[in-house]
Every structure is written in structure tokens, then in C-alpha cells.
Amino acid sequence: WHGYLPGIGPGTRYGFRVHGPYDPARGLRCNPAKLLLD
């Protein structure tokens, strides 16, 4: 997944939120409530 943001430069703090299946019994643990490190 990708995108380019003009004007965003060094020092900017960021993270990701992943929308997707959450089913630990099948090894799936996506949860957009959790901010994720790159």
C-alpha cells in the first residue's frame, strides 16, 4: 500500500492503521484502533 504526500518532510511523526480481518483463531489480528509502527 503506498502514497506520496508533497510537503511532508523530516521530523514528521506518523503511523499506520490497518483495516482488515480480526480472527485470532486463524492468526488474523488486524484492528484499526491500534496505531502501528512502520
PDB file of all heavy atoms in Angstrom:
ATOM      1  N   TRP A   1       0.859  -1.181   0.000  1.00  0.00           N
ATOM      2  CA  TRP A   1       0.000   0.000   0.000  1.00  0.00           C
ATOM      3  C   TRP A   1       0.895   1.230   0.000  1.00  0.00           C
ATOM      4  O   TRP A   1       1.847   1.307   0.771  1.00  0.00           O
ATOM      5  CB  TRP A   1      -0.898  -0.008   1.236  1.00  0.00           C
ATOM      6  CG  TRP A   1      -1.732  -1.254   1.355  1.00  0.00           C
ATOM      7  CD1 TRP A   1      -1.323  -2.489   1.752  1.00  0.00           C
ATOM      8  CD2 TRP A   1      -3.120  -1.379   1.060  1.00  0.00           C
ATOM      9  NE1 TRP A   1      -2.355  -3.388   1.729  1.00  0.00           N
ATOM     10  CE2 TRP A   1      -3.485  -2.736   1.310  1.00  0.00           C
ATOM     11  CE3 TRP A   1      -4.108  -0.489   0.620  1.00  0.00           C
ATOM     12  CZ2 TRP A   1      -4.780  -3.212   1.133  1.00  0.00           C
ATOM     13  CZ3 TRP A   1      -5.397  -0.960   0.446  1.00  0.00           C
ATOM     14  CH2 TRP A   1      -5.727  -2.303   0.693  1.00  0.00           C
ATOM     15  N   HIS A   2       0.576   2.219  -0.852  1.00  0.00           N
ATOM     16  CA  HIS A   2       1.505   3.337  -0.970  1.00  0.00           C
ATOM     17  C   HIS A   2       0.808   4.628  -1.379  1.00  0.00           C
ATOM     18  O   HIS A   2      -0.304   4.628  -1.920  1.00  0.00           O
ATOM     19  CB  HIS A   2       2.630   3.006  -1.961  1.00  0.00           C
ATOM     20  CG  HIS A   2       2.154   2.591  -3.331  1.00  0.00           C
ATOM     21  ND1 HIS A   2       1.987   3.470  -4.366  1.00  0.00           N
ATOM     22  CD2 HIS A   2       1.821   1.359  -3.830  1.00  0.00           C
ATOM     23  CE1 HIS A   2       1.582   2.821  -5.453  1.00  0.00           C
ATOM     24  NE2 HIS A   2       1.472   1.530  -5.141  1.00  0.00           N
ATOM     25  N   GLY A   3       1.503   5.730  -1.113  1.00  0.00           N
ATOM     26  CA  GLY A   3       1.050   7.062  -1.491  1.00  0.00           C
ATOM     27  C   GLY A   3       2.161   8.070  -1.272  1.00  0.00           C
ATOM     28  O   GLY A   3       3.071   7.841  -0.459  1.00  0.00           O
ATOM     29  N   TYR A   4       2.110   9.173  -2.003  1.00  0.00           N
ATOM     30  CA  TYR A   4       3.124  10.236  -1.896  1.00  0.00           C
ATOM     31  C   TYR A   4       2.437  11.514  -1.438  1.00  0.00           C
ATOM     32  O   TYR A   4       1.416  11.929  -2.006  1.00  0.00           O
ATOM     33  CB  TYR A   4       3.800  10.450  -3.250  1.00  0.00           C
ATOM     34  CG  TYR A   4       4.858  11.527  -3.241  1.00  0.00           C
ATOM     35  CD1 TYR A   4       6.187  11.223  -2.981  1.00  0.00           C
ATOM     36  CD2 TYR A   4       4.524  12.858  -3.492  1.00  0.00           C
ATOM     37  CE1 TYR A   4       7.168  12.204  -2.972  1.00  0.00           C
ATOM     38  CE2 TYR A   4       5.486  13.858  -3.481  1.00  0.00           C
ATOM     39  CZ  TYR A   4       6.814  13.524  -3.225  1.00  0.00           C
ATOM     40  OH  TYR A   4       7.776  14.514  -3.207  1.00  0.00           O
ATOM     41  N   LEU A   5       3.015  12.152  -0.400  1.00  0.00           N
ATOM     42  CA  LEU A   5       2.452  13.383   0.136  1.00  0.00           C
ATOM     43  C   LEU A   5       3.439  14.532  -0.065  1.00  0.00           C
ATOM     44  O   LEU A   5       4.487  14.585   0.592  1.00  0.00           O
ATOM     45  CB  LEU A   5       2.134  13.244   1.631  1.00  0.00           C
ATOM     46  CG  LEU A   5       0.776  12.606   1.978  1.00  0.00           C
ATOM     47  CD1 LEU A   5       0.726  11.149   1.568  1.00  0.00           C
ATOM     48  CD2 LEU A   5       0.480  12.764   3.473  1.00  0.00           C
ATOM     49  N   PRO A   6       3.139  15.448  -0.997  1.00  0.00           N
ATOM     50  CA  PRO A   6       4.008  16.613  -1.172  1.00  0.00           C
ATOM     51  C   PRO A   6       4.045  17.457   0.106  1.00  0.00           C
ATOM     52  O   PRO A   6       3.046  17.570   0.831  1.00  0.00           O
ATOM     53  CB  PRO A   6       3.337  17.381  -2.312  1.00  0.00           C
ATOM     54  CG  PRO A   6       2.448  16.391  -2.990  1.00  0.00           C
ATOM     55  CD  PRO A   6       2.002  15.449  -1.919  1.00  0.00           C
ATOM     56  N   GLY A   7       5.195  18.015   0.374  1.00  0.00           N
ATOM     57  CA  GLY A   7       5.328  18.926   1.515  1.00  0.00           C
ATOM     58  C   GLY A   7       5.567  18.260   2.846  1.00  0.00           C
ATOM     59  O   GLY A   7       5.862  18.932   3.839  1.00  0.00           O
ATOM     60  N   ILE A   8       5.430  16.955   2.913  1.00  0.00           N
ATOM     61  CA  ILE A   8       5.698  16.245   4.168  1.00  0.00           C
ATOM     62  C   ILE A   8       7.185  15.930   4.225  1.00  0.00           C
ATOM     63  O   ILE A   8       7.737  15.303   3.312  1.00  0.00           O
ATOM     64  CB  ILE A   8       4.871  14.948   4.259  1.00  0.00           C
ATOM     65  CG1 ILE A   8       3.381  15.277   4.275  1.00  0.00           C
ATOM     66  CG2 ILE A   8       5.263  14.149   5.501  1.00  0.00           C
ATOM     67  CD1 ILE A   8       2.939  16.122   5.453  1.00  0.00           C
ATOM     68  N   GLY A   9       7.847  16.365   5.307  1.00  0.00           N
ATOM     69  CA  GLY A   9       9.295  16.247   5.351  1.00  0.00           C
ATOM     70  C   GLY A   9       9.839  15.701   6.647  1.00  0.00           C
ATOM     71  O   GLY A   9       9.083  15.195   7.504  1.00  0.00           O
ATOM     72  N   PRO A  10      11.146  15.796   6.824  1.00  0.00           N
ATOM     73  CA  PRO A  10      11.812  15.241   8.008  1.00  0.00           C
ATOM     74  C   PRO A  10      11.234  15.780   9.308  1.00  0.00           C
ATOM     75  O   PRO A  10      10.880  16.960   9.412  1.00  0.00           O
ATOM     76  CB  PRO A  10      13.264  15.683   7.817  1.00  0.00           C
ATOM     77  CG  PRO A  10      13.426  15.836   6.345  1.00  0.00           C
ATOM     78  CD  PRO A  10      12.111  16.362   5.867  1.00  0.00           C
ATOM     79  N   GLY A  11      11.162  14.909  10.292  1.00  0.00           N
ATOM     80  CA  GLY A  11      10.624  15.261  11.602  1.00  0.00           C
ATOM     81  C   GLY A  11       9.156  14.942  11.755  1.00  0.00           C
ATOM     82  O   GLY A  11       8.631  14.934  12.873  1.00  0.00           O
ATOM     83  N   THR A  12       8.471  14.675  10.650  1.00  0.00           N
ATOM     84  CA  THR A  12       7.052  14.327  10.709  1.00  0.00           C
ATOM     85  C   THR A  12       6.873  12.977  11.395  1.00  0.00           C
ATOM     86  O   THR A  12       7.523  11.992  11.059  1.00  0.00           O
ATOM     87  CB  THR A  12       6.454  14.259   9.295  1.00  0.00           C
ATOM     88  OG1 THR A  12       6.605  15.524   8.651  1.00  0.00           O
ATOM     89  CG2 THR A  12       4.976  13.874   9.348  1.00  0.00           C
ATOM     90  N   ARG A  13       5.972  12.944  12.348  1.00  0.00           N
ATOM     91  CA  ARG A  13       5.672  11.697  13.055  1.00  0.00           C
ATOM     92  C   ARG A  13       4.454  11.042  12.419  1.00  0.00           C
ATOM     93  O   ARG A  13       3.484  11.722  12.078  1.00  0.00           O
ATOM     94  CB  ARG A  13       5.431  11.959  14.531  1.00  0.00           C
ATOM     95  CG  ARG A  13       6.641  12.550  15.256  1.00  0.00           C
ATOM     96  CD  ARG A  13       6.394  12.681  16.735  1.00  0.00           C
ATOM     97  NE  ARG A  13       5.237  13.533  17.013  1.00  0.00           N
ATOM     98  CZ  ARG A  13       4.536  13.506  18.142  1.00  0.00           C
ATOM     99  NH1 ARG A  13       4.873  12.659  19.107  1.00  0.00           N
ATOM    100  NH2 ARG A  13       3.522  14.324  18.322  1.00  0.00           N
ATOM    101  N   TYR A  14       4.501   9.711  12.303  1.00  0.00           N
ATOM    102  CA  TYR A  14       3.415   9.028  11.611  1.00  0.00           C
ATOM    103  C   TYR A  14       3.272   7.595  12.121  1.00  0.00           C
ATOM    104  O   TYR A  14       4.120   7.087  12.871  1.00  0.00           O
ATOM    105  CB  TYR A  14       3.656   9.023  10.096  1.00  0.00           C
ATOM    106  CG  TYR A  14       4.791   8.122   9.639  1.00  0.00           C
ATOM    107  CD1 TYR A  14       4.540   6.840   9.143  1.00  0.00           C
ATOM    108  CD2 TYR A  14       6.120   8.538   9.701  1.00  0.00           C
ATOM    109  CE1 TYR A  14       5.570   6.008   8.726  1.00  0.00           C
ATOM    110  CE2 TYR A  14       7.157   7.717   9.281  1.00  0.00           C
ATOM    111  CZ  TYR A  14       6.876   6.455   8.798  1.00  0.00           C
ATOM    112  OH  TYR A  14       7.898   5.633   8.388  1.00  0.00           O
ATOM    113  N   GLY A  15       2.204   6.959  11.704  1.00  0.00           N
ATOM    114  CA  GLY A  15       1.952   5.552  11.982  1.00  0.00           C
ATOM    115  C   GLY A  15       0.912   5.045  11.011  1.00  0.00           C
ATOM    116  O   GLY A  15       0.449   5.794  10.136  1.00  0.00           O
ATOM    117  N   PHE A  16       0.509   3.795  11.141  1.00  0.00           N
ATOM    118  CA  PHE A  16      -0.490   3.206  10.250  1.00  0.00           C
ATOM    119  C   PHE A  16      -1.628   2.604  11.066  1.00  0.00           C
ATOM    120  O   PHE A  16      -1.437   2.139  12.188  1.00  0.00           O
ATOM    121  CB  PHE A  16       0.136   2.100   9.388  1.00  0.00           C
ATOM    122  CG  PHE A  16       1.202   2.578   8.446  1.00  0.00           C
ATOM    123  CD1 PHE A  16       2.509   2.146   8.594  1.00  0.00           C
ATOM    124  CD2 PHE A  16       0.902   3.455   7.412  1.00  0.00           C
ATOM    125  CE1 PHE A  16       3.501   2.566   7.728  1.00  0.00           C
ATOM    126  CE2 PHE A  16       1.884   3.887   6.538  1.00  0.00           C
ATOM    127  CZ  PHE A  16       3.193   3.443   6.699  1.00  0.00           C
ATOM    128  N   ARG A  17      -2.814   2.621  10.463  1.00  0.00           N
ATOM    129  CA  ARG A  17      -3.960   1.877  10.996  1.00  0.00           C
ATOM    130  C   ARG A  17      -4.437   0.935   9.897  1.00  0.00           C
ATOM    131  O   ARG A  17      -4.634   1.354   8.750  1.00  0.00           O
ATOM    132  CB  ARG A  17      -5.080   2.818  11.435  1.00  0.00           C
ATOM    133  CG  ARG A  17      -4.692   3.723  12.612  1.00  0.00           C
ATOM    134  CD  ARG A  17      -5.870   4.590  13.058  1.00  0.00           C
ATOM    135  NE  ARG A  17      -5.471   5.563  14.086  1.00  0.00           N
ATOM    136  CZ  ARG A  17      -5.455   5.320  15.395  1.00  0.00           C
ATOM    137  NH1 ARG A  17      -5.832   4.119  15.833  1.00  0.00           N
ATOM    138  NH2 ARG A  17      -5.091   6.248  16.246  1.00  0.00           N
ATOM    139  N   VAL A  18      -4.593  -0.332  10.260  1.00  0.00           N
ATOM    140  CA  VAL A  18      -4.907  -1.364   9.277  1.00  0.00           C
ATOM    141  C   VAL A  18      -6.332  -1.859   9.475  1.00  0.00           C
ATOM    142  O   VAL A  18      -6.694  -2.354  10.562  1.00  0.00           O
ATOM    143  CB  VAL A  18      -3.914  -2.539   9.380  1.00  0.00           C
ATOM    144  CG1 VAL A  18      -4.321  -3.665   8.438  1.00  0.00           C
ATOM    145  CG2 VAL A  18      -2.502  -2.066   9.060  1.00  0.00           C
ATOM    146  N   HIS A  19      -7.132  -1.724   8.417  1.00  0.00           N
ATOM    147  CA  HIS A  19      -8.484  -2.280   8.406  1.00  0.00           C
ATOM    148  C   HIS A  19      -8.415  -3.635   7.712  1.00  0.00           C
ATOM    149  O   HIS A  19      -7.913  -3.746   6.592  1.00  0.00           O
ATOM    150  CB  HIS A  19      -9.433  -1.348   7.644  1.00  0.00           C
ATOM    151  CG  HIS A  19      -9.564   0.010   8.269  1.00  0.00           C
ATOM    152  ND1 HIS A  19     -10.622   0.362   9.072  1.00  0.00           N
ATOM    153  CD2 HIS A  19      -8.752   1.100   8.209  1.00  0.00           C
ATOM    154  CE1 HIS A  19     -10.474   1.619   9.470  1.00  0.00           C
ATOM    155  NE2 HIS A  19      -9.345   2.087   8.960  1.00  0.00           N
ATOM    156  N   GLY A  20      -8.936  -4.653   8.386  1.00  0.00           N
ATOM    157  CA  GLY A  20      -8.881  -5.989   7.821  1.00  0.00           C
ATOM    158  C   GLY A  20      -9.433  -6.995   8.795  1.00  0.00           C
ATOM    159  O   GLY A  20      -9.993  -6.645   9.848  1.00  0.00           O
ATOM    160  N   PRO A  21      -9.299  -8.264   8.500  1.00  0.00           N
ATOM    161  CA  PRO A  21      -9.916  -9.319   9.322  1.00  0.00           C
ATOM    162  C   PRO A  21      -9.266  -9.447  10.689  1.00  0.00           C
ATOM    163  O   PRO A  21      -8.044  -9.356  10.831  1.00  0.00           O
ATOM    164  CB  PRO A  21      -9.697 -10.590   8.493  1.00  0.00           C
ATOM    165  CG  PRO A  21      -8.507 -10.275   7.636  1.00  0.00           C
ATOM    166  CD  PRO A  21      -8.589  -8.816   7.332  1.00  0.00           C
ATOM    167  N   TYR A  22     -10.106  -9.637  11.685  1.00  0.00           N
ATOM    168  CA  TYR A  22      -9.648  -9.911  13.041  1.00  0.00           C
ATOM    169  C   TYR A  22     -10.252 -11.230  13.478  1.00  0.00           C
ATOM    170  O   TYR A  22     -11.446 -11.331  13.768  1.00  0.00           O
ATOM    171  CB  TYR A  22     -10.062  -8.787  13.996  1.00  0.00           C
ATOM    172  CG  TYR A  22      -9.591  -9.010  15.421  1.00  0.00           C
ATOM    173  CD1 TYR A  22      -8.316  -8.638  15.807  1.00  0.00           C
ATOM    174  CD2 TYR A  22     -10.426  -9.609  16.363  1.00  0.00           C
ATOM    175  CE1 TYR A  22      -7.865  -8.844  17.107  1.00  0.00           C
ATOM    176  CE2 TYR A  22      -9.989  -9.820  17.674  1.00  0.00           C
ATOM    177  CZ  TYR A  22      -8.719  -9.440  18.028  1.00  0.00           C
ATOM    178  OH  TYR A  22      -8.271  -9.645  19.314  1.00  0.00           O
ATOM    179  N   ASP A  23      -9.417 -12.256  13.490  1.00  0.00           N
ATOM    180  CA  ASP A  23      -9.844 -13.593  13.893  1.00  0.00           C
ATOM    181  C   ASP A  23      -8.607 -14.318  14.428  1.00  0.00           C
ATOM    182  O   ASP A  23      -7.957 -15.075  13.707  1.00  0.00           O
ATOM    183  CB  ASP A  23     -10.440 -14.345  12.705  1.00  0.00           C
ATOM    184  CG  ASP A  23     -11.043 -15.691  13.116  1.00  0.00           C
ATOM    185  OD1 ASP A  23     -10.898 -16.070  14.299  1.00  0.00           O
ATOM    186  OD2 ASP A  23     -11.640 -16.363  12.253  1.00  0.00           O
ATOM    187  N   PRO A  24      -8.264 -14.079  15.706  1.00  0.00           N
ATOM    188  CA  PRO A  24      -7.033 -14.662  16.260  1.00  0.00           C
ATOM    189  C   PRO A  24      -6.945 -16.168  16.092  1.00  0.00           C
ATOM    190  O   PRO A  24      -5.847 -16.706  15.926  1.00  0.00           O
ATOM    191  CB  PRO A  24      -7.101 -14.262  17.733  1.00  0.00           C
ATOM    192  CG  PRO A  24      -7.903 -13.001  17.745  1.00  0.00           C
ATOM    193  CD  PRO A  24      -8.940 -13.200  16.679  1.00  0.00           C
ATOM    194  N   ALA A  25      -8.072 -16.863  16.104  1.00  0.00           N
ATOM    195  CA  ALA A  25      -8.041 -18.314  15.960  1.00  0.00           C
ATOM    196  C   ALA A  25      -7.473 -18.730  14.611  1.00  0.00           C
ATOM    197  O   ALA A  25      -6.960 -19.841  14.464  1.00  0.00           O
ATOM    198  CB  ALA A  25      -9.446 -18.894  16.138  1.00  0.00           C
ATOM    199  N   ARG A  26      -7.554 -17.841  13.628  1.00  0.00           N
ATOM    200  CA  ARG A  26      -6.985 -18.113  12.307  1.00  0.00           C
ATOM    201  C   ARG A  26      -5.697 -17.319  12.070  1.00  0.00           C
ATOM    202  O   ARG A  26      -5.186 -17.269  10.954  1.00  0.00           O
ATOM    203  CB  ARG A  26      -8.005 -17.791  11.216  1.00  0.00           C
ATOM    204  CG  ARG A  26      -9.233 -18.683  11.236  1.00  0.00           C
ATOM    205  CD  ARG A  26     -10.040 -18.550   9.954  1.00  0.00           C
ATOM    206  NE  ARG A  26     -10.577 -17.200   9.784  1.00  0.00           N
ATOM    207  CZ  ARG A  26     -10.448 -16.491   8.661  1.00  0.00           C
ATOM    208  NH1 ARG A  26      -9.789 -16.992   7.622  1.00  0.00           N
ATOM    209  NH2 ARG A  26     -10.985 -15.285   8.578  1.00  0.00           N
ATOM    210  N   GLY A  27      -5.183 -16.683  13.127  1.00  0.00           N
ATOM    211  CA  GLY A  27      -3.940 -15.932  13.012  1.00  0.00           C
ATOM    212  C   GLY A  27      -4.102 -14.552  12.427  1.00  0.00           C
ATOM    213  O   GLY A  27      -3.113 -13.940  12.007  1.00  0.00           O
ATOM    214  N   LEU A  28      -5.320 -14.012  12.405  1.00  0.00           N
ATOM    215  CA  LEU A  28      -5.597 -12.698  11.819  1.00  0.00           C
ATOM    216  C   LEU A  28      -5.853 -11.697  12.939  1.00  0.00           C
ATOM    217  O   LEU A  28      -6.752 -11.889  13.761  1.00  0.00           O
ATOM    218  CB  LEU A  28      -6.806 -12.780  10.894  1.00  0.00           C
ATOM    219  CG  LEU A  28      -6.680 -13.796   9.743  1.00  0.00           C
ATOM    220  CD1 LEU A  28      -8.015 -14.010   9.057  1.00  0.00           C
ATOM    221  CD2 LEU A  28      -5.620 -13.331   8.750  1.00  0.00           C
ATOM    222  N   ARG A  29      -5.092 -10.600  12.960  1.00  0.00           N
ATOM    223  CA  ARG A  29      -5.171  -9.682  14.100  1.00  0.00           C
ATOM    224  C   ARG A  29      -5.199  -8.212  13.668  1.00  0.00           C
ATOM    225  O   ARG A  29      -4.610  -7.345  14.316  1.00  0.00           O
ATOM    226  CB  ARG A  29      -3.997  -9.934  15.056  1.00  0.00           C
ATOM    227  CG  ARG A  29      -4.045 -11.317  15.732  1.00  0.00           C
ATOM    228  CD  ARG A  29      -2.873 -11.550  16.655  1.00  0.00           C
ATOM    229  NE  ARG A  29      -2.919 -12.844  17.313  1.00  0.00           N
ATOM    230  CZ  ARG A  29      -3.531 -13.089  18.480  1.00  0.00           C
ATOM    231  NH1 ARG A  29      -4.128 -12.105  19.132  1.00  0.00           N
ATOM    232  NH2 ARG A  29      -3.525 -14.306  19.004  1.00  0.00           N
ATOM    233  N   CYS A  30      -5.848  -7.900  12.580  1.00  0.00           N
ATOM    234  CA  CYS A  30      -5.983  -6.503  12.155  1.00  0.00           C
ATOM    235  C   CYS A  30      -6.972  -5.773  13.067  1.00  0.00           C
ATOM    236  O   CYS A  30      -8.033  -6.303  13.395  1.00  0.00           O
ATOM    237  CB  CYS A  30      -6.471  -6.429  10.707  1.00  0.00           C
ATOM    238  SG  CYS A  30      -5.378  -7.217   9.519  1.00  0.00           S
ATOM    239  N   ASN A  31      -6.632  -4.553  13.442  1.00  0.00           N
ATOM    240  CA  ASN A  31      -7.515  -3.748  14.291  1.00  0.00           C
ATOM    241  C   ASN A  31      -7.130  -2.284  14.119  1.00  0.00           C
ATOM    242  O   ASN A  31      -6.080  -1.856  14.599  1.00  0.00           O
ATOM    243  CB  ASN A  31      -7.379  -4.163  15.755  1.00  0.00           C
ATOM    244  CG  ASN A  31      -8.369  -3.447  16.667  1.00  0.00           C
ATOM    245  OD1 ASN A  31      -8.943  -2.420  16.290  1.00  0.00           O
ATOM    246  ND2 ASN A  31      -8.561  -3.974  17.864  1.00  0.00           N
ATOM    247  N   PRO A  32      -7.956  -1.499  13.439  1.00  0.00           N
ATOM    248  CA  PRO A  32      -7.601  -0.098  13.183  1.00  0.00           C
ATOM    249  C   PRO A  32      -7.522   0.762  14.436  1.00  0.00           C
ATOM    250  O   PRO A  32      -7.043   1.914  14.368  1.00  0.00           O
ATOM    251  CB  PRO A  32      -8.707   0.384  12.240  1.00  0.00           C
ATOM    252  CG  PRO A  32      -9.851  -0.550  12.490  1.00  0.00           C
ATOM    253  CD  PRO A  32      -9.241  -1.870  12.826  1.00  0.00           C
ATOM    254  N   ALA A  33      -7.959   0.247  15.569  1.00  0.00           N
ATOM    255  CA  ALA A  33      -7.823   1.015  16.815  1.00  0.00           C
ATOM    256  C   ALA A  33      -6.375   1.049  17.284  1.00  0.00           C
ATOM    257  O   ALA A  33      -6.027   1.859  18.159  1.00  0.00           O
ATOM    258  CB  ALA A  33      -8.709   0.410  17.903  1.00  0.00           C
ATOM    259  N   LYS A  34      -5.550   0.193  16.738  1.00  0.00           N
ATOM    260  CA  LYS A  34      -4.156   0.118  17.178  1.00  0.00           C
ATOM    261  C   LYS A  34      -3.254   0.850  16.184  1.00  0.00           C
ATOM    262  O   LYS A  34      -3.162   0.465  15.006  1.00  0.00           O
ATOM    263  CB  LYS A  34      -3.702  -1.339  17.309  1.00  0.00           C
ATOM    264  CG  LYS A  34      -4.636  -2.207  18.153  1.00  0.00           C
ATOM    265  CD  LYS A  34      -4.907  -1.593  19.527  1.00  0.00           C
ATOM    266  CE  LYS A  34      -5.997  -2.355  20.265  1.00  0.00           C
ATOM    267  NZ  LYS A  34      -6.425  -1.657  21.515  1.00  0.00           N
ATOM    268  N   LEU A  35      -2.626   1.915  16.655  1.00  0.00           N
ATOM    269  CA  LEU A  35      -1.650   2.618  15.834  1.00  0.00           C
ATOM    270  C   LEU A  35      -0.408   1.750  15.710  1.00  0.00           C
ATOM    271  O   LEU A  35       0.104   1.239  16.710  1.00  0.00           O
ATOM    272  CB  LEU A  35      -1.285   3.960  16.453  1.00  0.00           C
ATOM    273  CG  LEU A  35      -0.322   4.811  15.612  1.00  0.00           C
ATOM    274  CD1 LEU A  35      -1.047   5.394  14.408  1.00  0.00           C
ATOM    275  CD2 LEU A  35       0.306   5.914  16.451  1.00  0.00           C
ATOM    276  N   LEU A  36       0.082   1.585  14.487  1.00  0.00           N
ATOM    277  CA  LEU A  36       1.188   0.661  14.227  1.00  0.00           C
ATOM    278  C   LEU A  36       2.422   1.403  13.724  1.00  0.00           C
ATOM    279  O   LEU A  36       2.325   2.322  12.907  1.00  0.00           O
ATOM    280  CB  LEU A  36       0.768  -0.383  13.184  1.00  0.00           C
ATOM    281  CG  LEU A  36      -0.496  -1.184  13.498  1.00  0.00           C
ATOM    282  CD1 LEU A  36      -0.818  -2.116  12.339  1.00  0.00           C
ATOM    283  CD2 LEU A  36      -0.340  -1.967  14.795  1.00  0.00           C
ATOM    284  N   LEU A  37       3.569   0.968  14.213  1.00  0.00           N
ATOM    285  CA  LEU A  37       4.831   1.474  13.693  1.00  0.00           C
ATOM    286  C   LEU A  37       5.059   0.960  12.281  1.00  0.00           C
ATOM    287  O   LEU A  37       4.667  -0.162  11.934  1.00  0.00           O
ATOM    288  CB  LEU A  37       5.999   1.010  14.572  1.00  0.00           C
ATOM    289  CG  LEU A  37       6.158   1.640  15.946  1.00  0.00           C
ATOM    290  CD1 LEU A  37       7.274   0.940  16.697  1.00  0.00           C
ATOM    291  CD2 LEU A  37       6.446   3.141  15.837  1.00  0.00           C
ATOM    292  N   ASP A  38       5.713   1.775  11.497  1.00  0.00           N
ATOM    293  CA  ASP A  38       6.171   1.362  10.174  1.00  0.00           C
ATOM    294  C   ASP A  38       7.336   0.391  10.359  1.00  0.00           C
ATOM    295  O   ASP A  38       8.336   0.738  10.990  1.00  0.00           O
ATOM    296  CB  ASP A  38       6.632   2.600   9.400  1.00  0.00           C
ATOM    297  CG  ASP A  38       7.149   2.281   8.005  1.00  0.00           C
ATOM    298  OD1 ASP A  38       7.185   1.111   7.626  1.00  0.00           O
ATOM    299  OD2 ASP A  38       7.527   3.249   7.310  1.00  0.00           O
TER     300      ASP A  38
END
